[in-house]
């Protein structure tokens, strides 16, 4: 009967060891964001878990102290039990072997695996118990907190390290793959993080493509530009596009259509920014000034291009088309032959075609082609690079409008 009581006691201690091991794993595997949302909805269980996590050192000390007390007690009882059962010569050895296997399987591996699979459910079950034990073990926790402070004085910490961008992107990928967020939400987060990597120059409408009006134009001429472009806002300049004096809104223009030409009262003061400004900072600036368009200047103070609020938002959510936009594709493919726009980002093309080309110091494919040709492009100009043949299909002034890209192997087969 005494032996049965001892076995029951050892079984209870193994269960307690399993509890402490599972509790540690569960609290380390929790989704904090999900718990905070639940706590905001007055979930008492979530509130208790978060309160325990706020003093993590106290929580961890309680778990470790409890686990060690249980395991030491289990080892001591088991040793006495096996010495009585098989004798003093091998009893201690048998006890060590049996308890090691039992604790490893039933006190560590199994409970931790279960807690890892359902951390929140187990944490909700465990929180009231561990909270009670933390109160009981307050004196011991206090002693260990003093010891921790002493150790901290001896071993200087380098300070809390912030999460790097790579780590954050990895976390987003993890959450997305686990189904916590959808593909679109993940892409939106990644694009938002990249806002502070890209400059205004990367997305600006180049100077030569800016649709603008001169201040001394007649109202008929200005109205014609509004109709042809479909834009709601146009930059207004004096003498040269390098001297933009304001932005005119279509509504303000037509509300004052009785005037002969553009008046100063119709104009909104423009925002001038350097081309190196990051998109995140530019977005905040546009929001603060309640403006939808910024003039990007070059190092000489001239007009480099313009960036609109819509341009920045497109970096976040992709292309935004309205009823006035003519939908144009940067790249189309037919039977292995690609027709690409000269305004396309060359790095996007190289990535799509898996071309091994290092970073390109050009924002457009047209600029890269001109550099490869080393001259002003003409229709029919061709060159080869990284296993592909590039042919200028159409030009717009001195720029490449469209080009044809064909893999050399496919081109040779078609010629044969």
Protein backbone atom coordinates (compact mmCIF):
# COMPACT_ATOMS: atom_id res chain seq x y z
CA UNK A 1 0.00 0.00 0.00
CA UNK A 2 2.94 2.29 0.80
CA UNK A 3 4.43 1.54 -2.63
CA UNK A 4 1.14 2.44 -4.35
CA UNK A 5 1.05 5.78 -2.52
CA UNK A 6 4.64 6.49 -3.61
CA UNK A 7 3.84 5.69 -7.24
CA UNK A 8 0.76 7.97 -7.13
CA UNK A 9 2.90 10.75 -5.64
CA UNK A 10 5.49 10.34 -8.40
CA UNK A 11 2.71 10.40 -11.01
CA UNK A 12 1.36 13.66 -9.60
CA UNK A 13 4.86 15.18 -9.64
CA UNK A 14 5.34 14.14 -13.29
CA UNK A 15 2.02 15.84 -14.15
CA UNK A 16 3.17 19.00 -12.34
CA UNK A 17 6.46 18.91 -14.23
CA UNK A 18 4.48 18.61 -17.46
CA UNK A 19 2.33 21.56 -16.41
CA UNK A 20 5.31 23.85 -15.79
CA UNK A 21 7.02 22.84 -19.04
CA UNK A 22 3.85 23.36 -21.08
CA UNK A 23 3.19 26.71 -19.38
CA UNK A 24 6.63 28.02 -20.31
CA UNK A 25 6.19 26.98 -23.95
CA UNK A 26 2.63 28.34 -24.16
CA UNK A 27 3.55 31.79 -22.82
CA UNK A 28 6.53 31.98 -25.18
CA UNK A 29 4.39 31.07 -28.22
CA UNK A 30 1.47 33.45 -27.72
CA UNK A 31 0.19 35.87 -30.36
CA UNK A 32 0.38 39.11 -28.36
CA UNK A 33 -1.53 41.15 -30.93
CA UNK A 34 -4.44 38.72 -30.88
CA UNK A 35 -4.51 38.81 -27.08
CA UNK A 36 -4.51 42.62 -27.01
CA UNK A 37 -7.50 42.68 -29.34
CA UNK A 38 -9.30 40.18 -27.10
CA UNK A 39 -8.43 42.22 -23.98
CA UNK A 40 -9.93 45.33 -25.58
CA UNK A 41 -13.17 43.34 -25.83
CA UNK A 42 -13.11 42.84 -22.04
CA UNK A 43 -11.83 39.24 -22.23
CA UNK A 44 -10.76 38.54 -18.62
CA UNK A 45 -8.58 35.57 -19.57
CA UNK A 46 -6.63 37.64 -22.12
CA UNK A 47 -6.24 40.47 -19.60
CA UNK A 48 -4.77 38.10 -17.00
CA UNK A 49 -2.33 36.62 -19.51
CA UNK A 50 -1.15 40.08 -20.59
CA UNK A 51 -0.77 41.15 -16.96
CA UNK A 52 1.45 38.12 -16.31
CA UNK A 53 3.52 38.86 -19.42
CA UNK A 54 4.08 42.46 -18.31
CA UNK A 55 6.35 41.12 -15.54
CA UNK A 56 7.91 38.32 -17.55
CA UNK A 57 10.87 37.86 -15.20
CA UNK A 58 8.50 37.13 -12.30
CA UNK A 59 6.51 34.71 -14.47
CA UNK A 60 9.61 32.88 -15.69
CA UNK A 61 11.09 32.66 -12.19
CA UNK A 62 7.85 31.15 -10.88
CA UNK A 63 7.83 28.54 -13.64
CA UNK A 64 11.49 27.60 -13.23
CA UNK A 65 11.36 27.47 -9.43
CA UNK A 66 8.18 25.38 -9.50
CA UNK A 67 9.58 23.04 -12.14
CA UNK A 68 12.85 22.53 -10.27
CA UNK A 69 11.10 21.89 -6.96
CA UNK A 70 8.88 19.29 -8.60
CA UNK A 71 11.73 17.56 -10.45
CA UNK A 72 14.00 17.47 -7.38
CA UNK A 73 11.17 16.05 -5.26
CA UNK A 74 10.43 13.47 -7.95
CA UNK A 75 14.09 12.39 -8.15
CA UNK A 76 14.39 12.13 -4.36
CA UNK A 77 11.22 10.04 -3.92
CA UNK A 78 12.11 7.84 -6.89
CA UNK A 79 15.59 7.17 -5.56
CA UNK A 80 14.25 6.05 -2.17
CA UNK A 81 11.57 3.97 -3.88
CA UNK A 82 13.94 2.07 -6.20
CA UNK A 83 16.54 1.52 -3.48
CA UNK A 84 13.86 -0.20 -1.40
CA UNK A 85 12.58 -2.05 -4.45
CA UNK A 86 15.81 -3.41 -5.99
CA UNK A 87 18.42 -2.74 -3.36
CA UNK A 88 20.98 -0.06 -2.65
CA UNK A 89 23.58 -1.30 -5.14
CA UNK A 90 21.69 -0.50 -8.35
CA UNK A 91 18.62 1.31 -7.01
CA UNK A 92 20.04 4.80 -7.57
CA UNK A 93 21.15 3.91 -11.11
CA UNK A 94 17.74 2.43 -12.00
CA UNK A 95 16.02 5.49 -10.49
CA UNK A 96 18.12 7.91 -12.56
CA UNK A 97 17.47 5.99 -15.79
CA UNK A 98 13.72 5.61 -15.26
CA UNK A 99 13.07 9.18 -14.08
CA UNK A 100 15.19 10.65 -16.89
CA UNK A 101 13.14 8.81 -19.54
CA UNK A 102 9.79 9.52 -17.84
CA UNK A 103 10.50 13.24 -17.32
CA UNK A 104 11.91 13.62 -20.83
CA UNK A 105 8.89 12.03 -22.51
CA UNK A 106 6.00 12.96 -20.22
CA UNK A 107 7.39 16.04 -18.46
CA UNK A 108 9.10 17.83 -21.35
CA UNK A 109 8.61 16.69 -24.95
CA UNK A 110 4.92 15.73 -24.89
CA UNK A 111 3.54 18.71 -22.90
CA UNK A 112 5.67 21.21 -24.81
CA UNK A 113 4.49 19.81 -28.15
CA UNK A 114 0.85 20.08 -27.04
CA UNK A 115 1.34 23.63 -25.72
CA UNK A 116 3.10 24.67 -28.93
CA UNK A 117 0.10 23.55 -30.99
CA UNK A 118 -2.47 25.43 -28.86
CA UNK A 119 -0.59 28.10 -26.88
CA UNK A 120 -3.53 30.41 -26.24
CA UNK A 121 -5.86 27.66 -25.01
CA UNK A 122 -3.25 26.28 -22.63
CA UNK A 123 -2.24 29.76 -21.42
CA UNK A 124 -5.88 30.51 -20.56
CA UNK A 125 -6.03 27.27 -18.56
CA UNK A 126 -2.66 27.86 -16.91
CA UNK A 127 -2.88 31.61 -16.15
CA UNK A 128 -4.99 31.43 -12.93
CA UNK A 129 -2.82 28.64 -11.51
CA UNK A 130 0.52 30.26 -12.31
CA UNK A 131 -0.78 33.60 -11.03
CA UNK A 132 -1.62 31.94 -7.68
CA UNK A 133 1.80 30.24 -7.54
CA UNK A 134 3.51 33.56 -8.31
CA UNK A 135 1.87 35.04 -5.21
CA UNK A 136 2.88 32.02 -3.07
CA UNK A 137 6.48 32.21 -4.33
CA UNK A 138 6.77 35.99 -3.92
CA UNK A 139 9.65 35.78 -1.35
CA UNK A 140 11.64 33.45 -3.60
CA UNK A 141 10.90 35.62 -6.67
CA UNK A 142 12.16 38.67 -4.73
CA UNK A 143 15.44 36.95 -3.87
CA UNK A 144 15.97 35.90 -7.48
CA UNK A 145 15.16 39.42 -8.74
CA UNK A 146 17.94 40.77 -6.50
CA UNK A 147 20.27 38.10 -7.86
CA UNK A 148 19.36 39.09 -11.42
CA UNK A 149 20.20 42.73 -10.68
CA UNK A 150 23.55 41.65 -9.27
CA UNK A 151 24.30 39.59 -12.37
CA UNK A 152 23.27 42.55 -14.57
CA UNK A 153 25.87 44.71 -12.81
CA UNK A 154 28.58 42.16 -13.55
CA UNK A 155 27.48 41.30 -17.10
CA UNK A 156 26.73 44.54 -18.89
CA UNK A 157 23.92 44.30 -21.45
CA UNK A 158 24.35 45.91 -24.84
CA UNK A 159 20.82 47.23 -24.57
CA UNK A 160 17.57 46.16 -26.16
CA UNK A 161 17.96 45.57 -29.87
CA UNK A 162 15.27 46.87 -32.17
CA UNK A 163 13.69 44.59 -34.74
CA UNK A 164 15.47 44.99 -38.07
CA UNK A 165 13.61 45.46 -41.33
CA UNK A 166 14.68 41.99 -42.50
CA UNK A 167 13.32 40.45 -39.31
CA UNK A 168 10.06 42.33 -39.65
CA UNK A 169 9.67 41.22 -43.27
CA UNK A 170 10.35 37.66 -42.16
CA UNK A 171 7.66 38.00 -39.49
CA UNK A 172 5.19 39.25 -42.12
CA UNK A 173 6.01 36.25 -44.35
CA UNK A 174 5.53 33.91 -41.39
CA UNK A 175 2.16 35.37 -40.42
CA UNK A 176 1.05 35.34 -44.07
CA UNK A 177 2.04 31.69 -44.57
CA UNK A 178 0.24 30.69 -41.37
CA UNK A 179 -2.97 32.35 -42.58
CA UNK A 180 -2.93 35.16 -40.01
CA UNK A 181 -3.15 37.75 -42.79
CA UNK A 182 -4.03 37.48 -46.45
CA UNK A 183 -1.70 37.88 -49.42
CA UNK A 184 -2.98 41.39 -50.16
CA UNK A 185 -2.47 42.54 -46.56
CA UNK A 186 1.06 41.12 -46.56
CA UNK A 187 1.89 42.87 -49.81
CA UNK A 188 0.48 46.14 -48.45
CA UNK A 189 2.71 45.91 -45.35
CA UNK A 190 5.79 45.20 -47.46
CA UNK A 191 5.02 48.11 -49.79
CA UNK A 192 4.50 50.43 -46.82
CA UNK A 193 7.91 49.47 -45.46
CA UNK A 194 9.51 50.20 -48.82
CA UNK A 195 8.13 53.76 -48.86
CA UNK A 196 11.14 54.92 -46.86
CA UNK A 197 13.52 53.20 -49.25
CA UNK A 198 12.33 54.82 -52.49
CA UNK A 199 12.99 58.43 -53.42
CA UNK A 200 10.61 60.87 -55.09
CA UNK A 201 12.79 60.59 -58.20
CA UNK A 202 11.89 56.90 -58.49
CA UNK A 203 8.19 57.55 -59.15
CA UNK A 204 8.12 61.14 -60.40
CA UNK A 205 6.51 61.95 -63.73
CA UNK A 206 9.58 63.15 -65.67
CA UNK A 207 9.90 66.75 -66.77
CA UNK A 208 9.32 65.96 -70.45
CA UNK A 209 5.99 64.23 -69.64
CA UNK A 210 4.58 66.94 -67.38
CA UNK A 211 1.25 68.34 -68.58
CA UNK A 212 1.31 72.01 -67.55
CA UNK A 213 -0.13 75.35 -68.66
CA UNK A 214 1.43 78.79 -68.91
CA UNK A 215 -0.06 81.58 -66.84
CA UNK A 216 -0.72 83.91 -69.81
CA UNK A 217 -2.59 81.28 -71.84
CA UNK A 218 -6.16 82.01 -72.73
CA UNK A 219 -8.96 80.24 -70.93
CA UNK A 220 -9.75 78.30 -74.09
CA UNK A 221 -6.19 76.95 -74.26
CA UNK A 222 -6.24 75.94 -70.59
CA UNK A 223 -9.66 74.31 -70.96
CA UNK A 224 -8.38 72.31 -73.91
CA UNK A 225 -5.56 70.84 -71.77
CA UNK A 226 -8.02 69.91 -69.02
CA UNK A 227 -10.25 68.17 -71.58
CA UNK A 228 -7.44 66.34 -73.38
CA UNK A 229 -5.66 65.09 -70.25
CA UNK A 230 -8.66 64.50 -68.00
CA UNK A 231 -6.55 65.72 -65.07
CA UNK A 232 -8.15 67.53 -62.15
CA UNK A 233 -5.01 69.56 -61.38
CA UNK A 234 -2.35 71.16 -63.60
CA UNK A 235 0.92 72.94 -62.76
CA UNK A 236 1.06 76.58 -63.89
CA UNK A 237 4.37 78.12 -64.97
CA UNK A 238 5.75 81.43 -66.22
CA UNK A 239 8.11 81.41 -69.24
CA UNK A 240 9.54 77.96 -68.45
CA UNK A 241 8.54 74.70 -66.76
CA UNK A 242 11.44 75.43 -64.39
CA UNK A 243 9.39 78.33 -63.00
CA UNK A 244 6.21 76.69 -61.68
CA UNK A 245 4.26 79.28 -59.67
CA UNK A 246 1.19 77.28 -58.63
CA UNK A 247 -1.30 74.48 -59.13
CA UNK A 248 -4.71 75.11 -60.67
CA UNK A 249 -7.68 72.90 -59.90
CA UNK A 250 -10.24 72.25 -62.61
CA UNK A 251 -13.12 73.31 -60.31
CA UNK A 252 -11.45 76.66 -59.50
CA UNK A 253 -10.78 77.24 -63.19
CA UNK A 254 -14.37 76.67 -64.35
CA UNK A 255 -15.82 78.58 -61.39
CA UNK A 256 -13.88 81.61 -62.65
CA UNK A 257 -14.34 80.96 -66.35
CA UNK A 258 -15.52 84.53 -66.94
CA UNK A 259 -11.91 85.74 -66.53
CA UNK A 260 -9.75 86.12 -69.63
CA UNK A 261 -6.89 84.02 -68.31
CA UNK A 262 -5.49 82.45 -65.15
CA UNK A 263 -5.63 84.68 -62.08
CA UNK A 264 -3.45 84.35 -58.99
CA UNK A 265 -6.55 83.71 -56.88
CA UNK A 266 -7.14 80.45 -58.77
CA UNK A 267 -3.74 79.02 -57.85
CA UNK A 268 -2.67 76.87 -54.95
CA UNK A 269 0.87 77.42 -53.69
CA UNK A 270 3.07 74.57 -54.95
CA UNK A 271 5.23 72.36 -52.72
CA UNK A 272 8.82 71.98 -53.85
CA UNK A 273 10.82 68.95 -52.70
CA UNK A 274 14.26 67.57 -53.59
CA UNK A 275 14.33 64.43 -55.70
CA UNK A 276 16.08 62.57 -52.86
CA UNK A 277 13.18 62.92 -50.39
CA UNK A 278 11.82 59.56 -49.27
CA UNK A 279 8.25 58.70 -50.21
CA UNK A 280 7.19 58.21 -46.59
CA UNK A 281 8.32 61.74 -45.69
CA UNK A 282 6.74 63.14 -48.86
CA UNK A 283 3.40 61.49 -48.08
CA UNK A 284 3.38 63.09 -44.61
CA UNK A 285 4.27 66.46 -46.12
CA UNK A 286 1.42 66.28 -48.63
CA UNK A 287 -1.02 65.26 -45.90
CA UNK A 288 0.11 68.06 -43.59
CA UNK A 289 -0.12 70.72 -46.29
CA UNK A 290 -3.40 69.28 -47.65
CA UNK A 291 -1.86 69.29 -51.11
CA UNK A 292 -2.14 66.58 -53.77
CA UNK A 293 0.90 67.43 -55.88
CA UNK A 294 4.58 68.21 -55.26
CA UNK A 295 7.14 69.63 -57.67
CA UNK A 296 10.37 67.63 -57.56
CA UNK A 297 13.49 69.74 -58.15
CA UNK A 298 16.95 68.70 -59.30
CA UNK A 299 20.31 69.75 -57.85
CA UNK A 300 20.24 72.96 -59.90
CA UNK A 301 16.81 74.04 -58.68
CA UNK A 302 15.13 73.21 -61.98
CA UNK A 303 12.03 71.07 -62.36
CA UNK A 304 12.90 67.37 -62.35
CA UNK A 305 9.30 66.13 -62.36
CA UNK A 306 6.11 66.00 -60.32
CA UNK A 307 4.72 63.53 -57.80
CA UNK A 308 1.04 63.29 -56.89
CA UNK A 309 -0.66 61.71 -53.92
CA UNK A 310 -2.01 59.08 -56.32
CA UNK A 311 1.54 58.17 -57.40
CA UNK A 312 2.50 57.41 -53.78
CA UNK A 313 -0.71 55.47 -53.09
CA UNK A 314 -0.05 53.36 -56.18
CA UNK A 315 3.26 52.33 -54.60
CA UNK A 316 1.18 50.93 -51.75
CA UNK A 317 -1.79 49.32 -53.47
CA UNK A 318 -0.77 49.04 -57.12
CA UNK A 319 -2.11 50.84 -60.17
CA UNK A 320 -5.21 52.99 -59.64
CA UNK A 321 -7.24 53.46 -62.80
CA UNK A 322 -10.12 55.86 -63.26
CA UNK A 323 -12.54 56.42 -66.13
CA UNK A 324 -10.19 58.90 -67.81
CA UNK A 325 -7.09 56.72 -67.74
CA UNK A 326 -6.00 54.84 -70.81
CA UNK A 327 -4.89 51.46 -69.48
CA UNK A 328 -1.36 50.76 -70.66
CA UNK A 329 0.73 47.71 -69.91
CA UNK A 330 4.47 48.09 -69.35
CA UNK A 331 5.05 44.63 -70.74
CA UNK A 332 3.18 42.21 -73.00
CA UNK A 333 4.22 38.84 -74.40
CA UNK A 334 3.35 36.94 -77.56
CA UNK A 335 5.02 33.66 -78.55
CA UNK A 336 8.09 34.38 -76.46
CA UNK A 337 8.53 37.92 -77.80
CA UNK A 338 8.10 40.76 -75.29
CA UNK A 339 6.98 44.27 -76.11
CA UNK A 340 8.04 46.62 -73.32
CA UNK A 341 7.44 50.29 -72.60
CA UNK A 342 10.41 52.63 -72.51
CA UNK A 343 9.10 54.06 -69.25
CA UNK A 344 9.24 50.66 -67.51
CA UNK A 345 11.55 50.21 -64.54
CA UNK A 346 14.51 48.25 -66.00
CA UNK A 347 15.04 46.28 -62.78
CA UNK A 348 11.45 44.98 -63.00
CA UNK A 349 12.12 43.77 -66.54
CA UNK A 350 15.41 42.12 -65.61
CA UNK A 351 13.74 40.35 -62.69
CA UNK A 352 10.85 39.17 -64.87
CA UNK A 353 13.21 37.80 -67.54
CA UNK A 354 15.69 36.49 -64.91
CA UNK A 355 18.52 38.49 -66.46
CA UNK A 356 21.73 38.62 -64.43
CA UNK A 357 22.30 42.38 -64.48
CA UNK A 358 23.49 44.42 -61.50
CA UNK A 359 21.79 47.59 -60.30
CA UNK A 360 21.05 50.05 -63.09
CA UNK A 361 21.46 53.83 -62.50
CA UNK A 362 18.39 54.59 -64.64
CA UNK A 363 14.75 54.96 -63.64
CA UNK A 364 13.47 53.95 -67.10
CA UNK A 365 14.28 51.26 -69.63
CA UNK A 366 14.69 54.02 -72.23
CA UNK A 367 17.63 55.46 -70.30
CA UNK A 368 19.30 52.05 -70.04
CA UNK A 369 18.82 51.35 -73.78
CA UNK A 370 20.30 54.74 -74.69
CA UNK A 371 23.31 53.92 -72.49
CA UNK A 372 23.72 50.53 -74.18
CA UNK A 373 23.44 52.08 -77.66
CA UNK A 374 25.61 55.04 -76.64
CA UNK A 375 23.54 57.31 -78.87
CA UNK A 376 20.11 58.79 -79.40
CA UNK A 377 17.89 55.78 -80.23
CA UNK A 378 16.34 55.29 -83.64
CA UNK A 379 13.73 52.82 -84.83
CA UNK A 380 15.41 49.50 -85.62
CA UNK A 381 18.45 49.97 -83.39
CA UNK A 382 19.36 46.66 -81.80
CA UNK A 383 21.84 45.15 -79.34
CA UNK A 384 22.29 42.01 -77.27
CA UNK A 385 22.70 41.61 -73.52
CA UNK A 386 22.50 38.64 -71.11
CA UNK A 387 21.08 36.27 -73.69
CA UNK A 388 18.41 38.65 -75.02
CA UNK A 389 18.13 40.83 -78.11
CA UNK A 390 16.70 44.32 -77.64
CA UNK A 391 15.25 46.17 -80.64
CA UNK A 392 13.91 49.73 -80.60
CA UNK A 393 10.37 49.53 -81.99
CA UNK A 394 9.11 53.12 -81.64
CA UNK A 395 10.58 56.38 -80.41
CA UNK A 396 9.05 59.53 -78.95
CA UNK A 397 11.35 62.44 -79.68
CA UNK A 398 14.73 61.33 -78.38
CA UNK A 399 13.34 58.63 -76.07
CA UNK A 400 12.49 54.98 -76.59
CA UNK A 401 8.72 54.61 -76.57
CA UNK A 402 8.57 50.82 -76.98
CA UNK A 403 11.15 48.09 -77.48
CA UNK A 404 10.99 44.43 -78.49
CA UNK A 405 12.85 41.90 -76.34
CA UNK A 406 13.50 38.38 -77.58
CA UNK A 407 15.58 35.53 -76.17
CA UNK A 408 18.51 34.83 -78.49
CA UNK A 409 17.80 31.09 -78.73
CA UNK A 410 14.20 31.74 -79.82
CA UNK A 411 15.33 34.45 -82.22
CA UNK A 412 17.85 32.11 -83.86
CA UNK A 413 15.21 29.38 -84.28
CA UNK A 414 12.75 31.81 -85.89
CA UNK A 415 15.43 33.07 -88.29
CA UNK A 416 16.26 29.50 -89.31
